[in-house]
Amino acid sequence: MTDIPRQLDARGLRCPMPLLKLKQALHGMLAGEVIEVRTTDAGSVRDFQAFLRQGGHALEEMREGETEFFFRIRKQ
């Protein structure tokens, strides 16, 4: 397994597309792999947190900028 995280650019997509893209990406990953996601949809903060709690995945980092959001997620 590599330490280089996968990248998902979901900027410009509106709810529910960022969450759907994240689900697709996680489905193709192995446990322990990391993905970094960038979005511009404020709803992603709530959606991602709820989804990750339900799925047991780890939100390692979340940052909020002026126009975009960054998430670092480890698949469990």
C-alpha atoms as a PDB file:
ATOM      1  CA  MET A   1       0.000   0.000   0.000  1.00  0.00           C
ATOM      2  CA  THR A   2       1.300   3.450  -0.889  1.00  0.00           C
ATOM      3  CA  ASP A   3       1.539   6.498   1.371  1.00  0.00           C
ATOM      4  CA  ILE A   4       0.585   8.765  -1.517  1.00  0.00           C
ATOM      5  CA  PRO A   5      -3.070   9.732  -1.067  1.00  0.00           C
ATOM      6  CA  ARG A   6      -5.573   9.524  -3.882  1.00  0.00           C
ATOM      7  CA  GLN A   7      -6.998  12.828  -5.036  1.00  0.00           C
ATOM      8  CA  LEU A   8     -10.647  13.666  -5.723  1.00  0.00           C
ATOM      9  CA  ASP A   9     -11.475  17.082  -7.145  1.00  0.00           C
ATOM     10  CA  ALA A  10     -15.196  17.634  -6.569  1.00  0.00           C
ATOM     11  CA  ARG A  11     -14.996  21.430  -6.845  1.00  0.00           C
ATOM     12  CA  GLY A  12     -17.890  22.921  -8.758  1.00  0.00           C
ATOM     13  CA  LEU A  13     -20.157  19.935  -8.084  1.00  0.00           C
ATOM     14  CA  ARG A  14     -23.357  20.467  -6.128  1.00  0.00           C
ATOM     15  CA  CYS A  15     -25.026  18.190  -3.591  1.00  0.00           C
ATOM     16  CA  PRO A  16     -25.277  15.208  -3.767  1.00  0.00           C
ATOM     17  CA  MET A  17     -22.517  14.742  -6.370  1.00  0.00           C
ATOM     18  CA  PRO A  18     -19.463  15.294  -4.086  1.00  0.00           C
ATOM     19  CA  LEU A  19     -20.741  12.586  -1.731  1.00  0.00           C
ATOM     20  CA  LEU A  20     -21.522  10.209  -4.591  1.00  0.00           C
ATOM     21  CA  LYS A  21     -18.042  10.735  -6.072  1.00  0.00           C
ATOM     22  CA  LEU A  22     -16.485  10.055  -2.653  1.00  0.00           C
ATOM     23  CA  LYS A  23     -18.502   6.843  -2.260  1.00  0.00           C
ATOM     24  CA  GLN A  24     -17.357   5.664  -5.704  1.00  0.00           C
ATOM     25  CA  ALA A  25     -13.729   6.446  -4.907  1.00  0.00           C
ATOM     26  CA  LEU A  26     -13.815   4.669  -1.536  1.00  0.00           C
ATOM     27  CA  HIS A  27     -15.378   1.609  -3.148  1.00  0.00           C
ATOM     28  CA  GLY A  28     -12.266   1.224  -5.298  1.00  0.00           C
ATOM     29  CA  MET A  29      -9.826   1.603  -2.424  1.00  0.00           C
ATOM     30  CA  LEU A  30      -8.256  -0.822   0.047  1.00  0.00           C
ATOM     31  CA  ALA A  31      -8.624  -0.462   3.820  1.00  0.00           C
ATOM     32  CA  GLY A  32      -6.000   1.933   5.161  1.00  0.00           C
ATOM     33  CA  GLU A  33      -5.672   3.930   1.942  1.00  0.00           C
ATOM     34  CA  VAL A  34      -6.096   7.710   2.104  1.00  0.00           C
ATOM     35  CA  ILE A  35      -8.007  10.051  -0.181  1.00  0.00           C
ATOM     36  CA  GLU A  36      -7.878  13.836  -0.225  1.00  0.00           C
ATOM     37  CA  VAL A  37     -11.026  15.558  -1.440  1.00  0.00           C
ATOM     38  CA  ARG A  38     -11.620  19.179  -2.413  1.00  0.00           C
ATOM     39  CA  THR A  39     -15.152  20.549  -2.738  1.00  0.00           C
ATOM     40  CA  THR A  40     -16.854  23.928  -3.072  1.00  0.00           C
ATOM     41  CA  ASP A  41     -20.255  22.758  -1.807  1.00  0.00           C
ATOM     42  CA  ALA A  42     -20.764  23.736   1.859  1.00  0.00           C
ATOM     43  CA  GLY A  43     -23.190  20.824   2.247  1.00  0.00           C
ATOM     44  CA  SER A  44     -20.241  18.467   1.844  1.00  0.00           C
ATOM     45  CA  VAL A  45     -19.124  19.204   5.408  1.00  0.00           C
ATOM     46  CA  ARG A  46     -22.340  17.831   6.903  1.00  0.00           C
ATOM     47  CA  ASP A  47     -22.779  15.089   4.293  1.00  0.00           C
ATOM     48  CA  PHE A  48     -19.220  13.755   4.539  1.00  0.00           C
ATOM     49  CA  GLN A  49     -19.194  13.741   8.349  1.00  0.00           C
ATOM     50  CA  ALA A  50     -22.477  11.796   8.546  1.00  0.00           C
ATOM     51  CA  PHE A  51     -21.401   9.325   5.845  1.00  0.00           C
ATOM     52  CA  LEU A  52     -17.990   8.719   7.432  1.00  0.00           C
ATOM     53  CA  ARG A  53     -19.535   8.099  10.867  1.00  0.00           C
ATOM     54  CA  GLN A  54     -21.945   5.556   9.386  1.00  0.00           C
ATOM     55  CA  GLY A  55     -19.248   3.837   7.322  1.00  0.00           C
ATOM     56  CA  GLY A  56     -16.625   3.875  10.063  1.00  0.00           C
ATOM     57  CA  HIS A  57     -14.088   5.688   7.894  1.00  0.00           C
ATOM     58  CA  ALA A  58     -11.669   8.120   9.561  1.00  0.00           C
ATOM     59  CA  LEU A  59     -11.775  11.845   8.871  1.00  0.00           C
ATOM     60  CA  GLU A  60      -8.114  12.668   9.489  1.00  0.00           C
ATOM     61  CA  GLU A  61      -8.289  16.325   8.532  1.00  0.00           C
ATOM     62  CA  MET A  62     -10.823  18.907   7.441  1.00  0.00           C
ATOM     63  CA  ARG A  63     -10.061  22.496   6.482  1.00  0.00           C
ATOM     64  CA  GLU A  64     -12.409  25.223   5.385  1.00  0.00           C
ATOM     65  CA  GLY A  65     -11.159  27.993   3.140  1.00  0.00           C
ATOM     66  CA  GLU A  66     -12.953  31.018   1.743  1.00  0.00           C
ATOM     67  CA  THR A  67     -14.364  29.175  -1.258  1.00  0.00           C
ATOM     68  CA  GLU A  68     -13.497  25.511  -0.815  1.00  0.00           C
ATOM     69  CA  PHE A  69     -13.301  22.650   1.643  1.00  0.00           C
ATOM     70  CA  PHE A  70     -10.526  20.063   2.066  1.00  0.00           C
ATOM     71  CA  PHE A  71     -10.959  16.586   3.536  1.00  0.00           C
ATOM     72  CA  ARG A  72      -8.378  13.879   4.237  1.00  0.00           C
ATOM     73  CA  ILE A  73     -10.081  10.521   4.739  1.00  0.00           C
ATOM     74  CA  ARG A  74      -8.703   7.078   5.577  1.00  0.00           C
ATOM     75  CA  LYS A  75     -10.756   4.092   4.441  1.00  0.00           C
ATOM     76  CA  GLN A  76     -11.422   1.552   7.188  1.00  0.00           C
END
